[in-house]
Amino acid sequence: MNRVGKLMEKMMIYFELILAGIIIIAVIGEGTLLVMRLFDYIVAGELTEKFQLFLSNALLYIIGLEVALMLIKRDSMLIIDIMIYAIARKMIIQNVAIWEILIGVVAILILYYLRGYGGSCRFFPPMRVDCPQQTARGTDV
């Protein structure tokens, strides 16, 4: 049964890599079209009207690339980056009330704090391999 589990795990890793490759190819293709549309907007003098649509698509592609990076690197801290980009995209693109912007700013601040200090030994002692051995209370054994 252990062999089956290892085989399934390898298959899932390969599937995730294939999915990441598909996402990257799609973002490159759509990004190329987005740049072409941007030049069309500039030539037609419609950049002001279409800029919000351009920015929405560009931020969506950034989120897609971050998801692909997370699938490739298998790093759980990249989820925080994805959440930051998603919140920022919502705040920038959608017309939201001022209290929603405030909640978004606070959420981004919390996510940046977690990204910078959340993985350190003093907050999550059992999670880090490179920390000295600690008990659940954070004191050395």
C-alpha atoms as a PDB file:
ATOM      1  CA  MET A   1       0.000   0.000   0.000  1.00  0.00           C
ATOM      2  CA  ASN A   2       2.958   2.286   0.622  1.00  0.00           C
ATOM      3  CA  ARG A   3       4.062   1.947  -3.021  1.00  0.00           C
ATOM      4  CA  VAL A   4       0.624   2.982  -4.210  1.00  0.00           C
ATOM      5  CA  GLY A   5       0.766   6.068  -1.996  1.00  0.00           C
ATOM      6  CA  LYS A   6       4.184   7.064  -3.347  1.00  0.00           C
ATOM      7  CA  LEU A   7       3.018   6.485  -6.919  1.00  0.00           C
ATOM      8  CA  MET A   8      -0.062   8.647  -6.338  1.00  0.00           C
ATOM      9  CA  GLU A   9       2.104  11.366  -4.806  1.00  0.00           C
ATOM     10  CA  LYS A  10       4.441  11.370  -7.823  1.00  0.00           C
ATOM     11  CA  MET A  11       1.468  11.471 -10.189  1.00  0.00           C
ATOM     12  CA  MET A  12       0.045  14.460  -8.322  1.00  0.00           C
ATOM     13  CA  ILE A  13       3.382  16.279  -8.502  1.00  0.00           C
ATOM     14  CA  TYR A  14       3.593  15.682 -12.263  1.00  0.00           C
ATOM     15  CA  PHE A  15      -0.014  16.782 -12.701  1.00  0.00           C
ATOM     16  CA  GLU A  16       0.695  19.988 -10.758  1.00  0.00           C
ATOM     17  CA  LEU A  17       3.742  20.698 -12.933  1.00  0.00           C
ATOM     18  CA  ILE A  18       1.726  20.133 -16.109  1.00  0.00           C
ATOM     19  CA  LEU A  19      -1.007  22.399 -14.787  1.00  0.00           C
ATOM     20  CA  ALA A  20       1.579  25.076 -13.921  1.00  0.00           C
ATOM     21  CA  GLY A  21       2.965  24.820 -17.460  1.00  0.00           C
ATOM     22  CA  ILE A  22      -0.498  25.246 -18.938  1.00  0.00           C
ATOM     23  CA  ILE A  23      -1.117  28.300 -16.745  1.00  0.00           C
ATOM     24  CA  ILE A  24       2.212  29.840 -17.787  1.00  0.00           C
ATOM     25  CA  ILE A  25       1.535  29.233 -21.492  1.00  0.00           C
ATOM     26  CA  ALA A  26      -1.955  30.746 -21.150  1.00  0.00           C
ATOM     27  CA  VAL A  27      -0.628  33.812 -19.320  1.00  0.00           C
ATOM     28  CA  ILE A  28       2.107  34.332 -21.922  1.00  0.00           C
ATOM     29  CA  GLY A  29      -0.436  34.081 -24.742  1.00  0.00           C
ATOM     30  CA  GLU A  30      -2.971  36.343 -23.090  1.00  0.00           C
ATOM     31  CA  GLY A  31      -0.242  38.744 -21.961  1.00  0.00           C
ATOM     32  CA  THR A  32       0.933  39.115 -25.544  1.00  0.00           C
ATOM     33  CA  LEU A  33      -2.604  39.891 -26.662  1.00  0.00           C
ATOM     34  CA  LEU A  34      -2.964  42.321 -23.755  1.00  0.00           C
ATOM     35  CA  VAL A  35       0.123  44.273 -24.864  1.00  0.00           C
ATOM     36  CA  MET A  36      -1.181  44.355 -28.436  1.00  0.00           C
ATOM     37  CA  ARG A  37      -4.541  45.680 -27.197  1.00  0.00           C
ATOM     38  CA  LEU A  38      -2.704  48.295 -25.116  1.00  0.00           C
ATOM     39  CA  PHE A  39      -0.990  49.620 -28.233  1.00  0.00           C
ATOM     40  CA  ASP A  40      -4.360  49.687 -30.007  1.00  0.00           C
ATOM     41  CA  TYR A  41      -5.810  51.699 -27.114  1.00  0.00           C
ATOM     42  CA  ILE A  42      -2.934  54.163 -27.292  1.00  0.00           C
ATOM     43  CA  VAL A  43      -3.251  54.598 -31.070  1.00  0.00           C
ATOM     44  CA  ALA A  44      -7.031  55.027 -30.849  1.00  0.00           C
ATOM     45  CA  GLY A  45      -6.722  57.479 -27.949  1.00  0.00           C
ATOM     46  CA  GLU A  46      -8.848  55.259 -25.691  1.00  0.00           C
ATOM     47  CA  LEU A  47      -6.238  54.547 -23.033  1.00  0.00           C
ATOM     48  CA  THR A  48      -8.047  56.524 -20.349  1.00  0.00           C
ATOM     49  CA  GLU A  49     -11.314  54.660 -20.882  1.00  0.00           C
ATOM     50  CA  LYS A  50      -9.724  51.206 -21.190  1.00  0.00           C
ATOM     51  CA  PHE A  51      -6.985  51.501 -18.556  1.00  0.00           C
ATOM     52  CA  GLN A  52      -9.056  49.928 -15.779  1.00  0.00           C
ATOM     53  CA  LEU A  53      -9.753  46.896 -17.983  1.00  0.00           C
ATOM     54  CA  PHE A  54      -6.052  46.670 -18.870  1.00  0.00           C
ATOM     55  CA  LEU A  55      -5.023  46.862 -15.218  1.00  0.00           C
ATOM     56  CA  SER A  56      -7.626  44.273 -14.215  1.00  0.00           C
ATOM     57  CA  ASN A  57      -6.344  41.802 -16.795  1.00  0.00           C
ATOM     58  CA  ALA A  58      -2.685  42.470 -15.966  1.00  0.00           C
ATOM     59  CA  LEU A  59      -3.250  41.853 -12.248  1.00  0.00           C
ATOM     60  CA  LEU A  60      -5.209  38.698 -13.042  1.00  0.00           C
ATOM     61  CA  TYR A  61      -2.272  37.404 -15.092  1.00  0.00           C
ATOM     62  CA  ILE A  62       0.097  38.193 -12.215  1.00  0.00           C
ATOM     63  CA  ILE A  63      -2.098  36.141  -9.906  1.00  0.00           C
ATOM     64  CA  GLY A  64      -2.060  33.307 -12.446  1.00  0.00           C
ATOM     65  CA  LEU A  65       1.740  33.363 -12.573  1.00  0.00           C
ATOM     66  CA  GLU A  66       1.922  33.329  -8.771  1.00  0.00           C
ATOM     67  CA  VAL A  67      -0.342  30.257  -8.697  1.00  0.00           C
ATOM     68  CA  ALA A  68       1.911  28.548 -11.252  1.00  0.00           C
ATOM     69  CA  LEU A  69       4.964  29.457  -9.178  1.00  0.00           C
ATOM     70  CA  MET A  70       3.316  28.016  -6.085  1.00  0.00           C
ATOM     71  CA  LEU A  71       2.606  24.763  -7.931  1.00  0.00           C
ATOM     72  CA  ILE A  72       6.204  24.531  -9.135  1.00  0.00           C
ATOM     73  CA  LYS A  73       8.021  25.526  -5.939  1.00  0.00           C
ATOM     74  CA  ARG A  74       5.502  23.905  -3.576  1.00  0.00           C
ATOM     75  CA  ASP A  75       6.008  26.733  -1.083  1.00  0.00           C
ATOM     76  CA  SER A  76       3.057  27.471   1.166  1.00  0.00           C
ATOM     77  CA  MET A  77       4.268  31.028   1.845  1.00  0.00           C
ATOM     78  CA  LEU A  78       3.436  31.909  -1.776  1.00  0.00           C
ATOM     79  CA  ILE A  79      -0.239  31.643  -0.841  1.00  0.00           C
ATOM     80  CA  ILE A  80       0.214  34.871   1.100  1.00  0.00           C
ATOM     81  CA  ASP A  81       1.545  36.612  -2.030  1.00  0.00           C
ATOM     82  CA  ILE A  82      -1.439  35.369  -4.021  1.00  0.00           C
ATOM     83  CA  MET A  83      -3.815  36.671  -1.368  1.00  0.00           C
ATOM     84  CA  ILE A  84      -2.063  40.066  -1.349  1.00  0.00           C
ATOM     85  CA  TYR A  85      -2.378  40.375  -5.129  1.00  0.00           C
ATOM     86  CA  ALA A  86      -6.019  39.270  -5.069  1.00  0.00           C
ATOM     87  CA  ILE A  87      -6.956  41.793  -2.377  1.00  0.00           C
ATOM     88  CA  ALA A  88      -5.028  44.561  -4.139  1.00  0.00           C
ATOM     89  CA  ARG A  89      -6.731  43.721  -7.436  1.00  0.00           C
ATOM     90  CA  LYS A  90     -10.156  43.893  -5.830  1.00  0.00           C
ATOM     91  CA  MET A  91      -9.371  47.209  -4.171  1.00  0.00           C
ATOM     92  CA  ILE A  92      -7.970  48.772  -7.344  1.00  0.00           C
ATOM     93  CA  ILE A  93     -10.410  47.458  -9.932  1.00  0.00           C
ATOM     94  CA  GLN A  94     -13.786  47.419  -8.248  1.00  0.00           C
ATOM     95  CA  ASN A  95     -15.531  50.506  -7.016  1.00  0.00           C
ATOM     96  CA  VAL A  96     -15.754  49.712  -3.335  1.00  0.00           C
ATOM     97  CA  ALA A  97     -16.803  51.676  -0.288  1.00  0.00           C
ATOM     98  CA  ILE A  98     -14.191  53.344   1.896  1.00  0.00           C
ATOM     99  CA  TRP A  99     -14.698  50.827   4.714  1.00  0.00           C
ATOM    100  CA  GLU A 100     -13.949  47.996   2.272  1.00  0.00           C
ATOM    101  CA  ILE A 101     -10.732  49.732   1.272  1.00  0.00           C
ATOM    102  CA  LEU A 102      -9.807  50.079   4.947  1.00  0.00           C
ATOM    103  CA  ILE A 103     -10.462  46.373   5.555  1.00  0.00           C
ATOM    104  CA  GLY A 104      -8.374  45.528   2.470  1.00  0.00           C
ATOM    105  CA  VAL A 105      -5.477  47.684   3.682  1.00  0.00           C
ATOM    106  CA  VAL A 106      -5.585  46.067   7.128  1.00  0.00           C
ATOM    107  CA  ALA A 107      -5.724  42.612   5.522  1.00  0.00           C
ATOM    108  CA  ILE A 108      -2.709  43.410   3.338  1.00  0.00           C
ATOM    109  CA  LEU A 109      -0.791  44.708   6.370  1.00  0.00           C
ATOM    110  CA  ILE A 110      -1.549  41.498   8.267  1.00  0.00           C
ATOM    111  CA  LEU A 111      -0.507  39.394   5.270  1.00  0.00           C
ATOM    112  CA  TYR A 112       2.768  41.325   4.890  1.00  0.00           C
ATOM    113  CA  TYR A 113       3.432  40.828   8.599  1.00  0.00           C
ATOM    114  CA  LEU A 114       2.776  37.101   8.285  1.00  0.00           C
ATOM    115  CA  ARG A 115       4.965  36.941   5.203  1.00  0.00           C
ATOM    116  CA  GLY A 116       7.827  38.679   6.942  1.00  0.00           C
ATOM    117  CA  TYR A 117       7.593  37.236  10.436  1.00  0.00           C
ATOM    118  CA  GLY A 118       5.041  34.428  10.311  1.00  0.00           C
ATOM    119  CA  GLY A 119       7.514  31.699   9.519  1.00  0.00           C
ATOM    120  CA  SER A 120       9.965  32.641  12.233  1.00  0.00           C
ATOM    121  CA  CYS A 121      10.776  30.328  15.111  1.00  0.00           C
ATOM    122  CA  ARG A 122       9.202  32.418  17.842  1.00  0.00           C
ATOM    123  CA  PHE A 123       5.719  32.240  16.319  1.00  0.00           C
ATOM    124  CA  PHE A 124       5.688  28.687  14.986  1.00  0.00           C
ATOM    125  CA  PRO A 125       8.342  26.724  16.947  1.00  0.00           C
ATOM    126  CA  PRO A 126       7.568  23.176  15.750  1.00  0.00           C
ATOM    127  CA  MET A 127       7.283  24.151  12.058  1.00  0.00           C
ATOM    128  CA  ARG A 128      10.878  25.203  11.329  1.00  0.00           C
ATOM    129  CA  VAL A 129      13.594  22.631  10.795  1.00  0.00           C
ATOM    130  CA  ASP A 130      16.473  25.107  11.096  1.00  0.00           C
ATOM    131  CA  CYS A 131      15.486  26.257  14.608  1.00  0.00           C
ATOM    132  CA  PRO A 132      16.957  24.774  17.752  1.00  0.00           C
ATOM    133  CA  GLN A 133      14.776  22.083  19.256  1.00  0.00           C
ATOM    134  CA  GLN A 134      11.985  23.719  21.166  1.00  0.00           C
ATOM    135  CA  THR A 135       9.000  22.604  23.120  1.00  0.00           C
ATOM    136  CA  ALA A 136       5.455  23.703  22.366  1.00  0.00           C
ATOM    137  CA  ARG A 137       5.933  26.753  24.614  1.00  0.00           C
ATOM    138  CA  GLY A 138       8.950  27.919  22.640  1.00  0.00           C
ATOM    139  CA  THR A 139      11.631  27.176  25.261  1.00  0.00           C
ATOM    140  CA  ASP A 140      14.758  25.213  24.472  1.00  0.00           C
ATOM    141  CA  VAL A 141      14.818  21.534  25.358  1.00  0.00           C
END
